[in-house]
Amino acid sequence: RFDLPESLTEIGSYAFSLCTGINSIAIPKAVTELPEGVFFRCYGIDYVELYDTFELLGNNVFTECDELSDIYYYGTEEDWNNIYISINNDYLDDVTIHYSFFKLVDESCVVVDRVSNVMYGIELETTVAELKTQFTDSDNIVIVNKNGIELGETDLIGVDCKVRHIGQDGDVLDEIATIVVGDTTGDGVLNIADAQIAYKLLMTITPLGGVYRAAADMDEN
């Protein structure tokens, strides 16, 4: 993935056009507009991530990006429909837009990755009540453990818990898994059992995958 610096606030027209080595890109939250032709003929781009702060898509931004198939948008469908989309963006008809119902508070310590559909940045021994404060609509958030059992406000968040956004009729509108680095057992704390699992992974004795492997990666390498 091609990551632009989070301090970036704007990108110039045709800034990355014909950069065929880019295969995916995350647009920083402070960048609210993509002007004309920014990624024109970047043939290798297959997905893009956009925040719900995004406001304007200029002419031919992704024109002739033949591999582009998915846009992961960190807002609702209603939010997406409020974006001003200029002419010559007909390619969007063939792109799948993935919407999100999760809205984080400003300065949130939590990071949502919709491509992998995981949430990280959660510290060990974080309670359900503490994690809920990271969402603007915390009243609509329900968290279940890896067995699907709903957790109480004082319960700890472990790896592979599911954070759910619940609609007015009780339906699950969105769901995302948690990564808690250091917790490979799902209890939300770091203890000898976690160390043993991490050692077995390091020595290739016991394979781990998905969120559990990410949780075991204490130094993130």
C-alpha atoms as a PDB file:
ATOM      1  CA  ARG A   1       0.000   0.000   0.000  1.00  0.00           C
ATOM      2  CA  PHE A   2       1.214   3.500  -0.853  1.00  0.00           C
ATOM      3  CA  ASP A   3       0.879   5.554   2.349  1.00  0.00           C
ATOM      4  CA  LEU A   4       0.946   9.329   2.128  1.00  0.00           C
ATOM      5  CA  PRO A   5       2.049  11.269   5.258  1.00  0.00           C
ATOM      6  CA  GLU A   6      -0.817  12.029   7.644  1.00  0.00           C
ATOM      7  CA  SER A   7       0.364  15.656   7.797  1.00  0.00           C
ATOM      8  CA  LEU A   8      -0.491  16.103   4.113  1.00  0.00           C
ATOM      9  CA  THR A   9      -3.418  18.500   3.514  1.00  0.00           C
ATOM     10  CA  GLU A  10      -3.629  18.706  -0.278  1.00  0.00           C
ATOM     11  CA  ILE A  11      -2.435  17.028  -3.468  1.00  0.00           C
ATOM     12  CA  GLY A  12      -1.856  18.833  -6.757  1.00  0.00           C
ATOM     13  CA  SER A  13      -3.442  18.017 -10.100  1.00  0.00           C
ATOM     14  CA  TYR A  14      -1.805  15.090 -11.919  1.00  0.00           C
ATOM     15  CA  ALA A  15       0.612  14.681  -8.979  1.00  0.00           C
ATOM     16  CA  PHE A  16       0.866  10.904  -9.365  1.00  0.00           C
ATOM     17  CA  SER A  17      -0.334  10.404 -12.928  1.00  0.00           C
ATOM     18  CA  LEU A  18       1.420   7.587 -14.801  1.00  0.00           C
ATOM     19  CA  CYS A  19       2.920   6.204 -11.558  1.00  0.00           C
ATOM     20  CA  THR A  20       2.381   2.603 -12.556  1.00  0.00           C
ATOM     21  CA  GLY A  21       4.054   1.179  -9.437  1.00  0.00           C
ATOM     22  CA  ILE A  22       1.234   2.208  -7.061  1.00  0.00           C
ATOM     23  CA  ASN A  23      -1.109  -0.716  -6.326  1.00  0.00           C
ATOM     24  CA  SER A  24      -3.195   0.770  -3.508  1.00  0.00           C
ATOM     25  CA  ILE A  25      -3.354   4.064  -1.675  1.00  0.00           C
ATOM     26  CA  ALA A  26      -4.714   5.549   1.566  1.00  0.00           C
ATOM     27  CA  ILE A  27      -5.700   9.227   1.329  1.00  0.00           C
ATOM     28  CA  PRO A  28      -4.892  11.098   4.585  1.00  0.00           C
ATOM     29  CA  LYS A  29      -7.792  12.397   6.646  1.00  0.00           C
ATOM     30  CA  ALA A  30      -6.827  16.054   6.156  1.00  0.00           C
ATOM     31  CA  VAL A  31      -6.979  15.736   2.359  1.00  0.00           C
ATOM     32  CA  THR A  32     -10.576  16.628   1.525  1.00  0.00           C
ATOM     33  CA  GLU A  33     -10.227  17.005  -2.255  1.00  0.00           C
ATOM     34  CA  LEU A  34      -8.554  15.147  -5.101  1.00  0.00           C
ATOM     35  CA  PRO A  35      -8.150  17.549  -8.038  1.00  0.00           C
ATOM     36  CA  GLU A  36      -8.053  16.703 -11.716  1.00  0.00           C
ATOM     37  CA  GLY A  37      -6.096  13.662 -12.843  1.00  0.00           C
ATOM     38  CA  VAL A  38      -4.235  12.986  -9.588  1.00  0.00           C
ATOM     39  CA  PHE A  39      -3.940   9.262 -10.335  1.00  0.00           C
ATOM     40  CA  PHE A  40      -4.601   9.376 -14.082  1.00  0.00           C
ATOM     41  CA  ARG A  41      -3.324   6.202 -15.779  1.00  0.00           C
ATOM     42  CA  CYS A  42      -1.965   4.666 -12.584  1.00  0.00           C
ATOM     43  CA  TYR A  43      -2.739   1.287 -14.078  1.00  0.00           C
ATOM     44  CA  GLY A  44      -1.835  -0.794 -11.029  1.00  0.00           C
ATOM     45  CA  ILE A  45      -4.126   0.773  -8.396  1.00  0.00           C
ATOM     46  CA  ASP A  46      -6.661  -1.801  -7.241  1.00  0.00           C
ATOM     47  CA  TYR A  47      -8.123  -0.127  -4.138  1.00  0.00           C
ATOM     48  CA  VAL A  48      -8.300   3.271  -2.448  1.00  0.00           C
ATOM     49  CA  GLU A  49      -9.102   4.301   1.134  1.00  0.00           C
ATOM     50  CA  LEU A  50     -10.963   7.581   1.768  1.00  0.00           C
ATOM     51  CA  TYR A  51     -12.032   9.179   5.074  1.00  0.00           C
ATOM     52  CA  ASP A  52     -15.490  10.562   5.735  1.00  0.00           C
ATOM     53  CA  THR A  53     -13.955  14.060   5.726  1.00  0.00           C
ATOM     54  CA  PHE A  54     -13.583  13.813   1.942  1.00  0.00           C
ATOM     55  CA  GLU A  55     -15.596  16.390  -0.063  1.00  0.00           C
ATOM     56  CA  LEU A  56     -14.623  16.570  -3.745  1.00  0.00           C
ATOM     57  CA  LEU A  57     -13.485  14.202  -6.498  1.00  0.00           C
ATOM     58  CA  GLY A  58     -12.153  16.133  -9.502  1.00  0.00           C
ATOM     59  CA  ASN A  59     -12.195  15.265 -13.191  1.00  0.00           C
ATOM     60  CA  ASN A  60     -10.456  12.076 -14.332  1.00  0.00           C
ATOM     61  CA  VAL A  61      -8.953  11.362 -10.900  1.00  0.00           C
ATOM     62  CA  PHE A  62      -8.730   7.610 -11.500  1.00  0.00           C
ATOM     63  CA  THR A  63      -9.370   7.505 -15.245  1.00  0.00           C
ATOM     64  CA  GLU A  64      -7.672   4.533 -16.945  1.00  0.00           C
ATOM     65  CA  CYS A  65      -6.811   2.962 -13.578  1.00  0.00           C
ATOM     66  CA  ASP A  66      -7.890  -0.326 -15.097  1.00  0.00           C
ATOM     67  CA  GLU A  67      -7.340  -2.466 -11.986  1.00  0.00           C
ATOM     68  CA  LEU A  68      -9.345  -0.234  -9.613  1.00  0.00           C
ATOM     69  CA  SER A  69     -12.102  -2.398  -8.164  1.00  0.00           C
ATOM     70  CA  ASP A  70     -12.750  -1.172  -4.601  1.00  0.00           C
ATOM     71  CA  ILE A  71     -13.003   2.075  -2.655  1.00  0.00           C
ATOM     72  CA  TYR A  72     -13.066   1.712   1.139  1.00  0.00           C
ATOM     73  CA  TYR A  73     -14.915   4.757   2.410  1.00  0.00           C
ATOM     74  CA  TYR A  74     -14.852   5.536   6.139  1.00  0.00           C
ATOM     75  CA  GLY A  75     -18.350   6.960   6.161  1.00  0.00           C
ATOM     76  CA  THR A  76     -21.923   5.962   5.434  1.00  0.00           C
ATOM     77  CA  GLU A  77     -23.590   5.707   2.048  1.00  0.00           C
ATOM     78  CA  GLU A  78     -25.410   8.959   2.826  1.00  0.00           C
ATOM     79  CA  ASP A  79     -22.055  10.658   3.464  1.00  0.00           C
ATOM     80  CA  TRP A  80     -20.722   9.319   0.161  1.00  0.00           C
ATOM     81  CA  ASN A  81     -23.694  10.707  -1.738  1.00  0.00           C
ATOM     82  CA  ASN A  82     -22.872  14.180  -0.393  1.00  0.00           C
ATOM     83  CA  ILE A  83     -19.422  14.169  -2.036  1.00  0.00           C
ATOM     84  CA  TYR A  84     -19.175  16.383  -5.126  1.00  0.00           C
ATOM     85  CA  ILE A  85     -18.063  14.136  -7.984  1.00  0.00           C
ATOM     86  CA  SER A  86     -16.981  15.958 -11.141  1.00  0.00           C
ATOM     87  CA  ILE A  87     -17.403  14.800 -14.741  1.00  0.00           C
ATOM     88  CA  ASN A  88     -15.458  11.978 -16.374  1.00  0.00           C
ATOM     89  CA  ASN A  89     -15.693   9.682 -13.378  1.00  0.00           C
ATOM     90  CA  ASP A  90     -17.893   7.077 -15.039  1.00  0.00           C
ATOM     91  CA  TYR A  91     -15.442   4.347 -13.979  1.00  0.00           C
ATOM     92  CA  LEU A  92     -17.030   4.524 -10.516  1.00  0.00           C
ATOM     93  CA  ASP A  93     -19.971   2.571 -11.955  1.00  0.00           C
ATOM     94  CA  ASP A  94     -17.694  -0.486 -12.021  1.00  0.00           C
ATOM     95  CA  VAL A  95     -16.107   0.098  -8.600  1.00  0.00           C
ATOM     96  CA  THR A  96     -17.459  -1.376  -5.358  1.00  0.00           C
ATOM     97  CA  ILE A  97     -17.830   1.253  -2.611  1.00  0.00           C
ATOM     98  CA  HIS A  98     -17.464  -0.224   0.889  1.00  0.00           C
ATOM     99  CA  TYR A  99     -19.209   1.946   3.472  1.00  0.00           C
ATOM    100  CA  SER A 100     -18.647   2.092   7.220  1.00  0.00           C
ATOM    101  CA  PHE A 101     -21.024   2.822  10.086  1.00  0.00           C
ATOM    102  CA  PHE A 102     -18.192   3.384  12.564  1.00  0.00           C
ATOM    103  CA  LYS A 103     -17.370   7.015  13.309  1.00  0.00           C
ATOM    104  CA  LEU A 104     -14.429   7.685  15.608  1.00  0.00           C
ATOM    105  CA  VAL A 105     -14.043  10.734  17.815  1.00  0.00           C
ATOM    106  CA  ASP A 106     -11.380  13.296  16.923  1.00  0.00           C
ATOM    107  CA  GLU A 107      -7.932  12.355  18.229  1.00  0.00           C
ATOM    108  CA  SER A 108      -9.028   8.740  18.650  1.00  0.00           C
ATOM    109  CA  CYS A 109      -6.254   6.296  19.529  1.00  0.00           C
ATOM    110  CA  VAL A 110      -8.044   3.569  17.565  1.00  0.00           C
ATOM    111  CA  VAL A 111      -7.334   2.882  13.901  1.00  0.00           C
ATOM    112  CA  VAL A 112      -9.862   1.193  11.624  1.00  0.00           C
ATOM    113  CA  ASP A 113      -8.558  -0.802   8.656  1.00  0.00           C
ATOM    114  CA  ARG A 114     -11.525  -1.599   6.414  1.00  0.00           C
ATOM    115  CA  VAL A 115      -9.433  -3.519   3.907  1.00  0.00           C
ATOM    116  CA  SER A 116      -8.559  -6.184   6.491  1.00  0.00           C
ATOM    117  CA  ASN A 117     -11.693  -5.291   8.498  1.00  0.00           C
ATOM    118  CA  VAL A 118      -9.795  -4.953  11.763  1.00  0.00           C
ATOM    119  CA  MET A 119      -9.459  -2.334  14.479  1.00  0.00           C
ATOM    120  CA  TYR A 120      -6.128  -1.795  16.202  1.00  0.00           C
ATOM    121  CA  GLY A 121      -4.493   0.694  18.563  1.00  0.00           C
ATOM    122  CA  ILE A 122      -6.359  -0.887  21.493  1.00  0.00           C
ATOM    123  CA  GLU A 123      -4.169  -1.169  24.577  1.00  0.00           C
ATOM    124  CA  LEU A 124      -4.038  -4.159  26.900  1.00  0.00           C
ATOM    125  CA  GLU A 125      -6.594  -4.121  29.731  1.00  0.00           C
ATOM    126  CA  THR A 126      -8.937  -1.763  27.881  1.00  0.00           C
ATOM    127  CA  THR A 127     -12.526  -2.155  29.057  1.00  0.00           C
ATOM    128  CA  VAL A 128     -15.613  -2.175  26.877  1.00  0.00           C
ATOM    129  CA  ALA A 129     -16.683   1.170  28.361  1.00  0.00           C
ATOM    130  CA  GLU A 130     -13.288   2.699  27.537  1.00  0.00           C
ATOM    131  CA  LEU A 131     -13.339   1.468  23.945  1.00  0.00           C
ATOM    132  CA  LYS A 132     -16.853   2.798  23.412  1.00  0.00           C
ATOM    133  CA  THR A 133     -15.625   6.315  24.216  1.00  0.00           C
ATOM    134  CA  GLN A 134     -13.676   6.177  20.946  1.00  0.00           C
ATOM    135  CA  PHE A 135     -16.933   6.245  18.938  1.00  0.00           C
ATOM    136  CA  THR A 136     -19.181   9.236  18.355  1.00  0.00           C
ATOM    137  CA  ASP A 137     -22.269   7.008  18.484  1.00  0.00           C
ATOM    138  CA  SER A 138     -21.299   4.797  21.400  1.00  0.00           C
ATOM    139  CA  ASP A 139     -24.949   4.062  22.275  1.00  0.00           C
ATOM    140  CA  ASN A 140     -25.182   2.021  19.073  1.00  0.00           C
ATOM    141  CA  ILE A 141     -22.032  -0.014  19.770  1.00  0.00           C
ATOM    142  CA  VAL A 142     -22.147  -3.574  21.086  1.00  0.00           C
ATOM    143  CA  ILE A 143     -19.040  -5.700  21.624  1.00  0.00           C
ATOM    144  CA  VAL A 144     -19.000  -9.496  21.710  1.00  0.00           C
ATOM    145  CA  ASN A 145     -16.143 -11.846  22.510  1.00  0.00           C
ATOM    146  CA  LYS A 146     -14.652 -14.389  20.096  1.00  0.00           C
ATOM    147  CA  ASN A 147     -17.462 -16.802  21.042  1.00  0.00           C
ATOM    148  CA  GLY A 148     -20.183 -14.280  20.188  1.00  0.00           C
ATOM    149  CA  ILE A 149     -21.140 -13.522  23.796  1.00  0.00           C
ATOM    150  CA  GLU A 150     -21.954  -9.876  24.500  1.00  0.00           C
ATOM    151  CA  LEU A 151     -19.518  -8.223  26.904  1.00  0.00           C
ATOM    152  CA  GLY A 152     -20.401  -5.970  29.828  1.00  0.00           C
ATOM    153  CA  GLU A 153     -19.078  -2.448  30.326  1.00  0.00           C
ATOM    154  CA  THR A 154     -16.309  -3.561  32.721  1.00  0.00           C
ATOM    155  CA  ASP A 155     -15.186  -6.572  30.672  1.00  0.00           C
ATOM    156  CA  LEU A 156     -11.821  -6.387  28.934  1.00  0.00           C
ATOM    157  CA  ILE A 157     -11.371  -6.198  25.172  1.00  0.00           C
ATOM    158  CA  GLY A 158      -9.391  -9.169  23.852  1.00  0.00           C
ATOM    159  CA  VAL A 159      -8.112 -10.126  20.442  1.00  0.00           C
ATOM    160  CA  ASP A 160     -10.827 -11.168  17.967  1.00  0.00           C
ATOM    161  CA  CYS A 161     -13.661  -9.479  19.805  1.00  0.00           C
ATOM    162  CA  LYS A 162     -16.241  -8.130  17.374  1.00  0.00           C
ATOM    163  CA  VAL A 163     -17.306  -4.501  17.559  1.00  0.00           C
ATOM    164  CA  ARG A 164     -20.819  -4.189  16.155  1.00  0.00           C
ATOM    165  CA  HIS A 165     -22.832  -1.185  15.084  1.00  0.00           C
ATOM    166  CA  ILE A 166     -26.490  -1.892  15.821  1.00  0.00           C
ATOM    167  CA  GLY A 167     -29.368  -0.283  13.925  1.00  0.00           C
ATOM    168  CA  GLN A 168     -32.661   0.929  15.389  1.00  0.00           C
ATOM    169  CA  ASP A 169     -34.333  -2.393  14.612  1.00  0.00           C
ATOM    170  CA  GLY A 170     -31.558  -4.354  16.319  1.00  0.00           C
ATOM    171  CA  ASP A 171     -29.875  -5.532  13.127  1.00  0.00           C
ATOM    172  CA  VAL A 172     -26.078  -5.596  12.907  1.00  0.00           C
ATOM    173  CA  LEU A 173     -25.203  -2.877  10.383  1.00  0.00           C
ATOM    174  CA  ASP A 174     -21.442  -3.278  10.570  1.00  0.00           C
ATOM    175  CA  GLU A 175     -18.891  -5.477  12.335  1.00  0.00           C
ATOM    176  CA  ILE A 176     -15.145  -5.354  12.743  1.00  0.00           C
ATOM    177  CA  ALA A 177     -12.600  -7.505  14.625  1.00  0.00           C
ATOM    178  CA  THR A 178     -10.214  -6.217  17.286  1.00  0.00           C
ATOM    179  CA  ILE A 179      -6.446  -6.590  17.501  1.00  0.00           C
ATOM    180  CA  VAL A 180      -4.909  -6.160  20.946  1.00  0.00           C
ATOM    181  CA  VAL A 181      -1.142  -6.477  20.591  1.00  0.00           C
ATOM    182  CA  GLY A 182       0.237  -8.873  23.203  1.00  0.00           C
ATOM    183  CA  ASP A 183      -3.042 -10.687  23.831  1.00  0.00           C
ATOM    184  CA  THR A 184      -3.114 -13.959  21.886  1.00  0.00           C
ATOM    185  CA  THR A 185      -5.567 -15.747  24.170  1.00  0.00           C
ATOM    186  CA  GLY A 186      -8.454 -13.287  23.990  1.00  0.00           C
ATOM    187  CA  ASP A 187      -8.618 -12.277  27.656  1.00  0.00           C
ATOM    188  CA  GLY A 188      -7.322  -8.729  27.177  1.00  0.00           C
ATOM    189  CA  VAL A 189      -4.239  -9.081  29.393  1.00  0.00           C
ATOM    190  CA  LEU A 190      -0.622 -10.082  28.848  1.00  0.00           C
ATOM    191  CA  ASN A 191       0.464 -13.156  30.786  1.00  0.00           C
ATOM    192  CA  ILE A 192       2.588 -16.302  30.530  1.00  0.00           C
ATOM    193  CA  ALA A 193       0.059 -18.007  28.257  1.00  0.00           C
ATOM    194  CA  ASP A 194       0.460 -15.239  25.674  1.00  0.00           C
ATOM    195  CA  ALA A 195       4.250 -15.492  25.913  1.00  0.00           C
ATOM    196  CA  GLN A 196       4.105 -19.245  25.339  1.00  0.00           C
ATOM    197  CA  ILE A 197       1.954 -18.832  22.232  1.00  0.00           C
ATOM    198  CA  ALA A 198       4.248 -16.121  20.869  1.00  0.00           C
ATOM    199  CA  TYR A 199       7.277 -18.367  21.485  1.00  0.00           C
ATOM    200  CA  LYS A 200       5.667 -21.285  19.666  1.00  0.00           C
ATOM    201  CA  LEU A 201       4.896 -18.992  16.747  1.00  0.00           C
ATOM    202  CA  LEU A 202       8.473 -17.714  16.678  1.00  0.00           C
ATOM    203  CA  MET A 203       9.843 -21.255  16.726  1.00  0.00           C
ATOM    204  CA  THR A 204       7.314 -22.301  14.042  1.00  0.00           C
ATOM    205  CA  ILE A 205       5.866 -24.882  16.439  1.00  0.00           C
ATOM    206  CA  THR A 206       2.321 -23.528  16.308  1.00  0.00           C
ATOM    207  CA  PRO A 207       1.077 -21.508  13.341  1.00  0.00           C
ATOM    208  CA  LEU A 208      -1.086 -18.461  13.893  1.00  0.00           C
ATOM    209  CA  GLY A 209      -3.084 -16.494  11.374  1.00  0.00           C
ATOM    210  CA  GLY A 210      -5.181 -13.384  11.022  1.00  0.00           C
ATOM    211  CA  VAL A 211      -5.753 -11.198  14.070  1.00  0.00           C
ATOM    212  CA  TYR A 212      -3.982 -13.685  16.364  1.00  0.00           C
ATOM    213  CA  ARG A 213      -0.746 -13.446  14.414  1.00  0.00           C
ATOM    214  CA  ALA A 214      -1.026  -9.642  14.456  1.00  0.00           C
ATOM    215  CA  ALA A 215      -1.598  -9.730  18.236  1.00  0.00           C
ATOM    216  CA  ALA A 216       1.514 -11.854  18.741  1.00  0.00           C
ATOM    217  CA  ASP A 217       3.680  -9.349  16.832  1.00  0.00           C
ATOM    218  CA  MET A 218       4.781  -7.308  19.846  1.00  0.00           C
ATOM    219  CA  ASP A 219       7.438  -5.307  17.971  1.00  0.00           C
ATOM    220  CA  GLU A 220       5.318  -5.023  14.815  1.00  0.00           C
ATOM    221  CA  ASN A 221       7.912  -6.520  12.478  1.00  0.00           C
END
